[in-house]
Amino acid sequence: NRINQVLPDTEEKTAEIQQWMSSVVSRLNHYKAQHKALLKEATTLLELALWKANLDDNEGGIIEQEGVRTTRGRRKRARKEIC
């Protein structure tokens, strides 16, 4: 909105527009950096939550024997038996 206030009174419109565009690009870059930081934090929190949920799943009464591969079907049946 500042550009609309300045332009009618300015003789060097090109320089004023370039300065305004530069400030807009600068603000956009700042907001993009903030957004990226927030996304990184949210991604980390999600990964930790998924990791914890996976741990909780494995500790929920389903004991896997060492060296024995447990299939998804076995885990599902074991969960049903627990409930």
PDB file of N, CA and C in Angstrom:
ATOM      1  N   ASN A   1       0.819  -1.192   0.000  1.00  0.00           N
ATOM      2  CA  ASN A   1       0.000   0.000   0.000  1.00  0.00           C
ATOM      3  C   ASN A   1       0.866   1.260   0.000  1.00  0.00           C
ATOM      4  N   ARG A   2       2.078   1.143   0.545  1.00  0.00           N
ATOM      5  CA  ARG A   2       2.991   2.279   0.603  1.00  0.00           C
ATOM      6  C   ARG A   2       3.308   2.795  -0.795  1.00  0.00           C
ATOM      7  N   ILE A   3       3.425   1.885  -1.761  1.00  0.00           N
ATOM      8  CA  ILE A   3       3.776   2.297  -3.121  1.00  0.00           C
ATOM      9  C   ILE A   3       2.699   3.194  -3.720  1.00  0.00           C
ATOM     10  N   ASN A   4       1.441   2.933  -3.405  1.00  0.00           N
ATOM     11  CA  ASN A   4       0.356   3.763  -3.909  1.00  0.00           C
ATOM     12  C   ASN A   4       0.379   5.161  -3.296  1.00  0.00           C
ATOM     13  N   GLN A   5       0.881   5.285  -2.110  1.00  0.00           N
ATOM     14  CA  GLN A   5       0.973   6.585  -1.453  1.00  0.00           C
ATOM     15  C   GLN A   5       2.157   7.398  -1.966  1.00  0.00           C
ATOM     16  N   VAL A   6       3.235   6.723  -2.330  1.00  0.00           N
ATOM     17  CA  VAL A   6       4.467   7.414  -2.730  1.00  0.00           C
ATOM     18  C   VAL A   6       4.475   7.795  -4.206  1.00  0.00           C
ATOM     19  N   LEU A   7       3.967   6.940  -5.079  1.00  0.00           N
ATOM     20  CA  LEU A   7       4.096   7.134  -6.521  1.00  0.00           C
ATOM     21  C   LEU A   7       3.545   8.452  -7.061  1.00  0.00           C
ATOM     22  N   PRO A   8       2.368   8.884  -6.687  1.00  0.00           N
ATOM     23  CA  PRO A   8       1.866  10.116  -7.298  1.00  0.00           C
ATOM     24  C   PRO A   8       2.771  11.338  -7.067  1.00  0.00           C
ATOM     25  N   ASP A   9       3.525  11.359  -5.983  1.00  0.00           N
ATOM     26  CA  ASP A   9       4.361  12.511  -5.649  1.00  0.00           C
ATOM     27  C   ASP A   9       5.807  12.346  -6.088  1.00  0.00           C
ATOM     28  N   THR A  10       6.147  11.253  -6.704  1.00  0.00           N
ATOM     29  CA  THR A  10       7.536  10.957  -7.024  1.00  0.00           C
ATOM     30  C   THR A  10       7.805  11.144  -8.509  1.00  0.00           C
ATOM     31  N   GLU A  11       8.967  11.765  -8.801  1.00  0.00           N
ATOM     32  CA  GLU A  11       9.365  11.917 -10.203  1.00  0.00           C
ATOM     33  C   GLU A  11      10.142  10.696 -10.677  1.00  0.00           C
ATOM     34  N   GLU A  12      10.920  10.092  -9.804  1.00  0.00           N
ATOM     35  CA  GLU A  12      11.700   8.896 -10.134  1.00  0.00           C
ATOM     36  C   GLU A  12      10.883   7.655  -9.806  1.00  0.00           C
ATOM     37  N   LYS A  13       9.876   7.387 -10.612  1.00  0.00           N
ATOM     38  CA  LYS A  13       8.954   6.281 -10.333  1.00  0.00           C
ATOM     39  C   LYS A  13       9.642   4.919 -10.479  1.00  0.00           C
ATOM     40  N   THR A  14      10.520   4.793 -11.450  1.00  0.00           N
ATOM     41  CA  THR A  14      11.187   3.512 -11.669  1.00  0.00           C
ATOM     42  C   THR A  14      11.998   3.105 -10.448  1.00  0.00           C
ATOM     43  N   ALA A  15      12.790   4.020  -9.929  1.00  0.00           N
ATOM     44  CA  ALA A  15      13.618   3.722  -8.755  1.00  0.00           C
ATOM     45  C   ALA A  15      12.747   3.394  -7.547  1.00  0.00           C
ATOM     46  N   GLU A  16      11.660   4.115  -7.394  1.00  0.00           N
ATOM     47  CA  GLU A  16      10.750   3.886  -6.265  1.00  0.00           C
ATOM     48  C   GLU A  16      10.083   2.510  -6.379  1.00  0.00           C
ATOM     49  N   ILE A  17       9.674   2.140  -7.593  1.00  0.00           N
ATOM     50  CA  ILE A  17       9.054   0.827  -7.815  1.00  0.00           C
ATOM     51  C   ILE A  17      10.067  -0.282  -7.550  1.00  0.00           C
ATOM     52  N   GLN A  18      11.309  -0.103  -8.002  1.00  0.00           N
ATOM     53  CA  GLN A  18      12.339  -1.110  -7.774  1.00  0.00           C
ATOM     54  C   GLN A  18      12.619  -1.284  -6.276  1.00  0.00           C
ATOM     55  N   GLN A  19      12.650  -0.177  -5.561  1.00  0.00           N
ATOM     56  CA  GLN A  19      12.877  -0.241  -4.121  1.00  0.00           C
ATOM     57  C   GLN A  19      11.704  -0.971  -3.438  1.00  0.00           C
ATOM     58  N   TRP A  20      10.494  -0.655  -3.868  1.00  0.00           N
ATOM     59  CA  TRP A  20       9.315  -1.306  -3.297  1.00  0.00           C
ATOM     60  C   TRP A  20       9.334  -2.807  -3.591  1.00  0.00           C
ATOM     61  N   MET A  21       9.661  -3.169  -4.849  1.00  0.00           N
ATOM     62  CA  MET A  21       9.728  -4.582  -5.217  1.00  0.00           C
ATOM     63  C   MET A  21      10.787  -5.313  -4.391  1.00  0.00           C
ATOM     64  N   SER A  22      11.895  -4.664  -4.165  1.00  0.00           N
ATOM     65  CA  SER A  22      12.963  -5.251  -3.363  1.00  0.00           C
ATOM     66  C   SER A  22      12.489  -5.503  -1.927  1.00  0.00           C
ATOM     67  N   SER A  23      11.741  -4.559  -1.375  1.00  0.00           N
ATOM     68  CA  SER A  23      11.252  -4.752  -0.005  1.00  0.00           C
ATOM     69  C   SER A  23      10.216  -5.885   0.053  1.00  0.00           C
ATOM     70  N   VAL A  24       9.395  -6.005  -0.985  1.00  0.00           N
ATOM     71  CA  VAL A  24       8.407  -7.090  -1.025  1.00  0.00           C
ATOM     72  C   VAL A  24       9.111  -8.438  -1.117  1.00  0.00           C
ATOM     73  N   VAL A  25      10.110  -8.546  -1.973  1.00  0.00           N
ATOM     74  CA  VAL A  25      10.854  -9.795  -2.127  1.00  0.00           C
ATOM     75  C   VAL A  25      11.558 -10.140  -0.811  1.00  0.00           C
ATOM     76  N   SER A  26      12.111  -9.147  -0.152  1.00  0.00           N
ATOM     77  CA  SER A  26      12.784  -9.367   1.123  1.00  0.00           C
ATOM     78  C   SER A  26      11.814  -9.917   2.171  1.00  0.00           C
ATOM     79  N   ARG A  27      10.627  -9.326   2.245  1.00  0.00           N
ATOM     80  CA  ARG A  27       9.622  -9.813   3.200  1.00  0.00           C
ATOM     81  C   ARG A  27       9.174 -11.229   2.853  1.00  0.00           C
ATOM     82  N   LEU A  28       9.000 -11.512   1.565  1.00  0.00           N
ATOM     83  CA  LEU A  28       8.614 -12.864   1.148  1.00  0.00           C
ATOM     84  C   LEU A  28       9.676 -13.894   1.554  1.00  0.00           C
ATOM     85  N   ASN A  29      10.931 -13.551   1.353  1.00  0.00           N
ATOM     86  CA  ASN A  29      12.007 -14.462   1.739  1.00  0.00           C
ATOM     87  C   ASN A  29      12.015 -14.699   3.247  1.00  0.00           C
ATOM     88  N   HIS A  30      11.744 -13.647   4.009  1.00  0.00           N
ATOM     89  CA  HIS A  30      11.676 -13.772   5.466  1.00  0.00           C
ATOM     90  C   HIS A  30      10.550 -14.725   5.860  1.00  0.00           C
ATOM     91  N   TYR A  31       9.368 -14.550   5.267  1.00  0.00           N
ATOM     92  CA  TYR A  31       8.230 -15.403   5.589  1.00  0.00           C
ATOM     93  C   TYR A  31       8.458 -16.848   5.135  1.00  0.00           C
ATOM     94  N   LYS A  32       9.118 -17.022   3.993  1.00  0.00           N
ATOM     95  CA  LYS A  32       9.432 -18.363   3.521  1.00  0.00           C
ATOM     96  C   LYS A  32      10.370 -19.072   4.495  1.00  0.00           C
ATOM     97  N   ALA A  33      11.352 -18.341   5.020  1.00  0.00           N
ATOM     98  CA  ALA A  33      12.290 -18.931   5.980  1.00  0.00           C
ATOM     99  C   ALA A  33      11.555 -19.313   7.269  1.00  0.00           C
ATOM    100  N   GLN A  34      10.653 -18.448   7.721  1.00  0.00           N
ATOM    101  CA  GLN A  34       9.861 -18.767   8.909  1.00  0.00           C
ATOM    102  C   GLN A  34       9.007 -20.011   8.663  1.00  0.00           C
ATOM    103  N   HIS A  35       8.374 -20.062   7.508  1.00  0.00           N
ATOM    104  CA  HIS A  35       7.515 -21.189   7.159  1.00  0.00           C
ATOM    105  C   HIS A  35       8.317 -22.487   7.122  1.00  0.00           C
ATOM    106  N   LYS A  36       9.503 -22.432   6.542  1.00  0.00           N
ATOM    107  CA  LYS A  36      10.357 -23.610   6.452  1.00  0.00           C
ATOM    108  C   LYS A  36      10.753 -24.093   7.846  1.00  0.00           C
ATOM    109  N   ALA A  37      11.075 -23.159   8.751  1.00  0.00           N
ATOM    110  CA  ALA A  37      11.437 -23.536  10.116  1.00  0.00           C
ATOM    111  C   ALA A  37      10.256 -24.187  10.835  1.00  0.00           C
ATOM    112  N   LEU A  38       9.066 -23.634  10.647  1.00  0.00           N
ATOM    113  CA  LEU A  38       7.874 -24.213  11.273  1.00  0.00           C
ATOM    114  C   LEU A  38       7.566 -25.602  10.714  1.00  0.00           C
ATOM    115  N   LEU A  39       7.726 -25.766   9.399  1.00  0.00           N
ATOM    116  CA  LEU A  39       7.509 -27.080   8.791  1.00  0.00           C
ATOM    117  C   LEU A  39       8.503 -28.107   9.317  1.00  0.00           C
ATOM    118  N   LYS A  40       9.756 -27.686   9.478  1.00  0.00           N
ATOM    119  CA  LYS A  40      10.774 -28.592   9.987  1.00  0.00           C
ATOM    120  C   LYS A  40      10.437 -29.032  11.409  1.00  0.00           C
ATOM    121  N   GLU A  41      10.000 -28.084  12.240  1.00  0.00           N
ATOM    122  CA  GLU A  41       9.623 -28.411  13.616  1.00  0.00           C
ATOM    123  C   GLU A  41       8.418 -29.358  13.639  1.00  0.00           C
ATOM    124  N   ALA A  42       7.417 -29.070  12.811  1.00  0.00           N
ATOM    125  CA  ALA A  42       6.223 -29.912  12.769  1.00  0.00           C
ATOM    126  C   ALA A  42       6.567 -31.314  12.269  1.00  0.00           C
ATOM    127  N   THR A  43       7.450 -31.406  11.287  1.00  0.00           N
ATOM    128  CA  THR A  43       7.873 -32.708  10.759  1.00  0.00           C
ATOM    129  C   THR A  43       8.585 -33.515  11.841  1.00  0.00           C
ATOM    130  N   THR A  44       9.440 -32.850  12.594  1.00  0.00           N
ATOM    131  CA  THR A  44      10.160 -33.520  13.670  1.00  0.00           C
ATOM    132  C   THR A  44       9.189 -34.034  14.723  1.00  0.00           C
ATOM    133  N   LEU A  45       8.219 -33.202  15.110  1.00  0.00           N
ATOM    134  CA  LEU A  45       7.231 -33.625  16.097  1.00  0.00           C
ATOM    135  C   LEU A  45       6.413 -34.815  15.590  1.00  0.00           C
ATOM    136  N   LEU A  46       6.045 -34.781  14.328  1.00  0.00           N
ATOM    137  CA  LEU A  46       5.284 -35.886  13.746  1.00  0.00           C
ATOM    138  C   LEU A  46       6.105 -37.165  13.728  1.00  0.00           C
ATOM    139  N   GLU A  47       7.368 -37.056  13.344  1.00  0.00           N
ATOM    140  CA  GLU A  47       8.233 -38.237  13.323  1.00  0.00           C
ATOM    141  C   GLU A  47       8.375 -38.828  14.717  1.00  0.00           C
ATOM    142  N   LEU A  48       8.546 -37.958  15.720  1.00  0.00           N
ATOM    143  CA  LEU A  48       8.668 -38.447  17.095  1.00  0.00           C
ATOM    144  C   LEU A  48       7.372 -39.109  17.562  1.00  0.00           C
ATOM    145  N   ALA A  49       6.234 -38.517  17.212  1.00  0.00           N
ATOM    146  CA  ALA A  49       4.949 -39.091  17.603  1.00  0.00           C
ATOM    147  C   ALA A  49       4.755 -40.461  16.947  1.00  0.00           C
ATOM    148  N   LEU A  50       5.107 -40.576  15.673  1.00  0.00           N
ATOM    149  CA  LEU A  50       4.984 -41.856  14.975  1.00  0.00           C
ATOM    150  C   LEU A  50       5.927 -42.902  15.569  1.00  0.00           C
ATOM    151  N   TRP A  51       7.123 -42.473  15.907  1.00  0.00           N
ATOM    152  CA  TRP A  51       8.102 -43.367  16.511  1.00  0.00           C
ATOM    153  C   TRP A  51       7.578 -43.876  17.855  1.00  0.00           C
ATOM    154  N   LYS A  52       7.031 -42.957  18.669  1.00  0.00           N
ATOM    155  CA  LYS A  52       6.478 -43.340  19.969  1.00  0.00           C
ATOM    156  C   LYS A  52       5.276 -44.271  19.789  1.00  0.00           C
ATOM    157  N   ALA A  53       4.411 -43.962  18.843  1.00  0.00           N
ATOM    158  CA  ALA A  53       3.251 -44.816  18.600  1.00  0.00           C
ATOM    159  C   ALA A  53       3.694 -46.210  18.184  1.00  0.00           C
ATOM    160  N   ASN A  54       4.735 -46.286  17.401  1.00  0.00           N
ATOM    161  CA  ASN A  54       5.256 -47.585  16.970  1.00  0.00           C
ATOM    162  C   ASN A  54       5.819 -48.343  18.166  1.00  0.00           C
ATOM    163  N   LEU A  55       6.517 -47.639  19.060  1.00  0.00           N
ATOM    164  CA  LEU A  55       7.038 -48.282  20.265  1.00  0.00           C
ATOM    165  C   LEU A  55       5.891 -48.779  21.138  1.00  0.00           C
ATOM    166  N   ASP A  56       4.877 -47.928  21.314  1.00  0.00           N
ATOM    167  CA  ASP A  56       3.719 -48.304  22.121  1.00  0.00           C
ATOM    168  C   ASP A  56       3.026 -49.523  21.523  1.00  0.00           C
ATOM    169  N   ASP A  57       2.962 -49.588  20.204  1.00  0.00           N
ATOM    170  CA  ASP A  57       2.354 -50.722  19.518  1.00  0.00           C
ATOM    171  C   ASP A  57       3.108 -52.010  19.846  1.00  0.00           C
ATOM    172  N   ASN A  58       4.414 -51.913  19.823  1.00  0.00           N
ATOM    173  CA  ASN A  58       5.229 -53.094  20.076  1.00  0.00           C
ATOM    174  C   ASN A  58       5.192 -53.519  21.535  1.00  0.00           C
ATOM    175  N   GLU A  59       4.938 -52.598  22.451  1.00  0.00           N
ATOM    176  CA  GLU A  59       4.912 -52.926  23.873  1.00  0.00           C
ATOM    177  C   GLU A  59       3.513 -53.271  24.355  1.00  0.00           C
ATOM    178  N   GLY A  60       2.520 -53.188  23.509  1.00  0.00           N
ATOM    179  CA  GLY A  60       1.134 -53.381  23.916  1.00  0.00           C
ATOM    180  C   GLY A  60       0.756 -54.831  24.148  1.00  0.00           C
ATOM    181  N   GLY A  61       1.594 -55.599  24.809  1.00  0.00           N
ATOM    182  CA  GLY A  61       1.241 -56.976  25.123  1.00  0.00           C
ATOM    183  C   GLY A  61       1.616 -57.954  24.032  1.00  0.00           C
ATOM    184  N   ILE A  62       2.204 -57.481  22.997  1.00  0.00           N
ATOM    185  CA  ILE A  62       2.622 -58.363  21.899  1.00  0.00           C
ATOM    186  C   ILE A  62       4.117 -58.579  22.053  1.00  0.00           C
ATOM    187  N   ILE A  63       4.467 -59.708  22.576  1.00  0.00           N
ATOM    188  CA  ILE A  63       5.876 -59.993  22.812  1.00  0.00           C
ATOM    189  C   ILE A  63       6.390 -60.840  21.654  1.00  0.00           C
ATOM    190  N   GLU A  64       7.373 -60.291  20.988  1.00  0.00           N
ATOM    191  CA  GLU A  64       7.955 -61.034  19.877  1.00  0.00           C
ATOM    192  C   GLU A  64       9.156 -61.817  20.396  1.00  0.00           C
ATOM    193  N   GLN A  65       9.237 -63.034  19.987  1.00  0.00           N
ATOM    194  CA  GLN A  65      10.360 -63.847  20.403  1.00  0.00           C
ATOM    195  C   GLN A  65      11.584 -63.443  19.606  1.00  0.00           C
ATOM    196  N   GLU A  66      12.697 -63.487  20.279  1.00  0.00           N
ATOM    197  CA  GLU A  66      13.944 -63.114  19.625  1.00  0.00           C
ATOM    198  C   GLU A  66      14.257 -64.121  18.527  1.00  0.00           C
ATOM    199  N   GLY A  67      14.565 -63.615  17.353  1.00  0.00           N
ATOM    200  CA  GLY A  67      14.925 -64.475  16.243  1.00  0.00           C
ATOM    201  C   GLY A  67      13.736 -65.026  15.480  1.00  0.00           C
ATOM    202  N   VAL A  68      12.515 -64.719  15.914  1.00  0.00           N
ATOM    203  CA  VAL A  68      11.322 -65.210  15.214  1.00  0.00           C
ATOM    204  C   VAL A  68      10.653 -64.031  14.536  1.00  0.00           C
ATOM    205  N   ARG A  69      10.450 -64.170  13.262  1.00  0.00           N
ATOM    206  CA  ARG A  69       9.823 -63.086  12.502  1.00  0.00           C
ATOM    207  C   ARG A  69       8.317 -63.114  12.726  1.00  0.00           C
ATOM    208  N   THR A  70       7.759 -61.956  13.072  1.00  0.00           N
ATOM    209  CA  THR A  70       6.321 -61.868  13.303  1.00  0.00           C
ATOM    210  C   THR A  70       5.681 -61.131  12.142  1.00  0.00           C
ATOM    211  N   THR A  71       4.671 -61.737  11.550  1.00  0.00           N
ATOM    212  CA  THR A  71       3.990 -61.108  10.422  1.00  0.00           C
ATOM    213  C   THR A  71       2.915 -60.154  10.930  1.00  0.00           C
ATOM    214  N   ARG A  72       2.439 -59.316  10.046  1.00  0.00           N
ATOM    215  CA  ARG A  72       1.364 -58.392  10.408  1.00  0.00           C
ATOM    216  C   ARG A  72       0.114 -59.147  10.830  1.00  0.00           C
ATOM    217  N   GLY A  73      -0.166 -60.233  10.148  1.00  0.00           N
ATOM    218  CA  GLY A  73      -1.338 -61.036  10.484  1.00  0.00           C
ATOM    219  C   GLY A  73      -1.268 -61.569  11.905  1.00  0.00           C
ATOM    220  N   ARG A  74      -0.094 -62.043  12.303  1.00  0.00           N
ATOM    221  CA  ARG A  74       0.082 -62.537  13.671  1.00  0.00           C
ATOM    222  C   ARG A  74      -0.127 -61.415  14.676  1.00  0.00           C
ATOM    223  N   ARG A  75       0.417 -60.250  14.363  1.00  0.00           N
ATOM    224  CA  ARG A  75       0.257 -59.108  15.282  1.00  0.00           C
ATOM    225  C   ARG A  75      -1.207 -58.728  15.425  1.00  0.00           C
ATOM    226  N   LYS A  76      -1.929 -58.713  14.298  1.00  0.00           N
ATOM    227  CA  LYS A  76      -3.352 -58.362  14.348  1.00  0.00           C
ATOM    228  C   LYS A  76      -4.124 -59.377  15.183  1.00  0.00           C
ATOM    229  N   ARG A  77      -3.829 -60.661  14.973  1.00  0.00           N
ATOM    230  CA  ARG A  77      -4.523 -61.694  15.750  1.00  0.00           C
ATOM    231  C   ARG A  77      -4.186 -61.565  17.234  1.00  0.00           C
ATOM    232  N   ALA A  78      -2.932 -61.248  17.523  1.00  0.00           N
ATOM    233  CA  ALA A  78      -2.519 -61.095  18.924  1.00  0.00           C
ATOM    234  C   ALA A  78      -3.228 -59.909  19.550  1.00  0.00           C
ATOM    235  N   ARG A  79      -3.396 -58.832  18.818  1.00  0.00           N
ATOM    236  CA  ARG A  79      -4.118 -57.665  19.337  1.00  0.00           C
ATOM    237  C   ARG A  79      -5.570 -58.019  19.628  1.00  0.00           C
ATOM    238  N   LYS A  80      -6.187 -58.783  18.715  1.00  0.00           N
ATOM    239  CA  LYS A  80      -7.592 -59.162  18.899  1.00  0.00           C
ATOM    240  C   LYS A  80      -7.743 -60.053  20.137  1.00  0.00           C
ATOM    241  N   GLU A  81      -6.757 -60.935  20.347  1.00  0.00           N
ATOM    242  CA  GLU A  81      -6.810 -61.823  21.508  1.00  0.00           C
ATOM    243  C   GLU A  81      -6.679 -61.042  22.802  1.00  0.00           C
ATOM    244  N   ILE A  82      -5.901 -59.976  22.783  1.00  0.00           N
ATOM    245  CA  ILE A  82      -5.710 -59.158  23.977  1.00  0.00           C
ATOM    246  C   ILE A  82      -6.978 -58.429  24.338  1.00  0.00           C
ATOM    247  N   CYS A  83      -7.682 -57.924  23.319  1.00  0.00           N
ATOM    248  CA  CYS A  83      -8.894 -57.139  23.551  1.00  0.00           C
ATOM    249  C   CYS A  83     -10.051 -57.968  23.912  1.00  0.00           C
TER     250      CYS A  83
END
